[in-house]
Every structure is written in structure tokens, then in C-alpha cells.
Amino acid sequence: MLEWIVSLGSWNWFILAALLLLIEILAPGMFMLWLGLSAILVGIISSAVVWSWQAQLIAFAVFA
């Protein structure tokens, strides 16, 4: 399962961002918005730079 998630590349961040922003629309509270924007930012960076999934998670935590 982990290999499949890693094989998605930067698309997994865009999928996560879409889910988080959908949750924000359904239950507004301005919390999931920042997580969704962080996921978009990590997805954009991941499409330009090749880095490990551990570094991506750390960047997501820092941006969030």
C-alpha cells in the first residue's frame, strides 16, 4: 500500500488538498483551509523537486 501511495508522486498532495478543502466547505472553521493550502504548496514543490516522502511530511508539518 505504501508503495502505491509513494508512486503517485506529487498527485497525492493535490488529492489530499482537495479532500481537506472539501471538508472545509462542508464544516467551515478555517482549520482545514490551512492544511489544504499546505498540501497544495507541498504538491507544487514536489512537482519541481525530487525529495523523499519523509521530507515532504516534514515540509507539510512546517507549512501547516
Protein backbone atom coordinates (compact mmCIF):
# COMPACT_ATOMS: atom_id res chain seq x y z
CA MET A 1 0.00 0.00 0.00
CA LEU A 2 2.83 2.38 0.86
CA GLU A 3 4.49 1.74 -2.50
CA TRP A 4 1.26 2.71 -4.26
CA ILE A 5 0.95 5.95 -2.29
CA VAL A 6 4.59 6.85 -2.97
CA SER A 7 4.14 6.01 -6.67
CA LEU A 8 1.52 8.75 -7.03
CA GLY A 9 4.24 11.36 -6.70
CA SER A 10 3.04 14.89 -6.21
CA TRP A 11 -0.55 13.98 -7.09
CA ASN A 12 -1.16 12.56 -3.64
CA TRP A 13 -0.70 16.06 -2.20
CA PHE A 14 -3.21 17.54 -4.63
CA ILE A 15 -5.71 14.78 -3.79
CA LEU A 16 -5.19 15.40 -0.07
CA ALA A 17 -5.61 19.15 -0.62
CA ALA A 18 -8.88 18.60 -2.47
CA LEU A 19 -10.19 16.40 0.35
CA LEU A 20 -9.15 18.86 3.04
CA LEU A 21 -10.69 21.80 1.20
CA LEU A 22 -13.89 19.80 0.67
CA ILE A 23 -14.04 19.14 4.40
CA GLU A 24 -13.55 22.88 4.96
CA ILE A 25 -16.51 23.63 2.70
CA LEU A 26 -18.73 21.10 4.48
CA ALA A 27 -17.71 22.14 8.00
CA PRO A 28 -16.33 25.69 7.92
CA GLY A 29 -14.00 26.69 10.69
CA MET A 30 -10.82 27.90 8.92
CA PHE A 31 -8.78 24.95 10.25
CA MET A 32 -8.80 22.60 7.26
CA LEU A 33 -8.22 25.55 4.92
CA TRP A 34 -4.64 25.99 6.13
CA LEU A 35 -3.97 22.27 5.94
CA GLY A 36 -5.31 22.21 2.38
CA LEU A 37 -3.18 25.16 1.37
CA SER A 38 -0.14 23.49 2.93
CA ALA A 39 -0.83 20.34 0.92
CA ILE A 40 -1.11 22.40 -2.28
CA LEU A 41 2.20 24.10 -1.52
CA VAL A 42 3.98 20.79 -0.86
CA GLY A 43 2.43 19.38 -4.05
CA ILE A 44 3.73 22.29 -6.12
CA ILE A 45 7.20 21.97 -4.62
CA SER A 46 7.12 18.17 -5.08
CA SER A 47 6.37 18.52 -8.77
CA ALA A 48 9.52 20.63 -9.21
CA VAL A 49 11.91 18.98 -6.73
CA VAL A 50 12.52 15.27 -6.12
CA TRP A 51 12.63 14.64 -2.39
CA SER A 52 11.78 11.80 -0.02
CA TRP A 53 8.34 11.31 1.45
CA GLN A 54 9.79 11.96 4.91
CA ALA A 55 10.97 15.40 3.82
CA GLN A 56 7.58 16.05 2.25
CA LEU A 57 5.80 15.23 5.52
CA ILE A 58 8.16 17.48 7.46
CA ALA A 59 7.54 20.32 4.98
CA PHE A 60 3.78 19.77 5.28
CA ALA A 61 4.01 19.96 9.07
CA VAL A 62 6.11 23.15 8.91
CA PHE A 63 3.77 24.83 6.41
CA ALA A 64 0.69 23.82 8.38
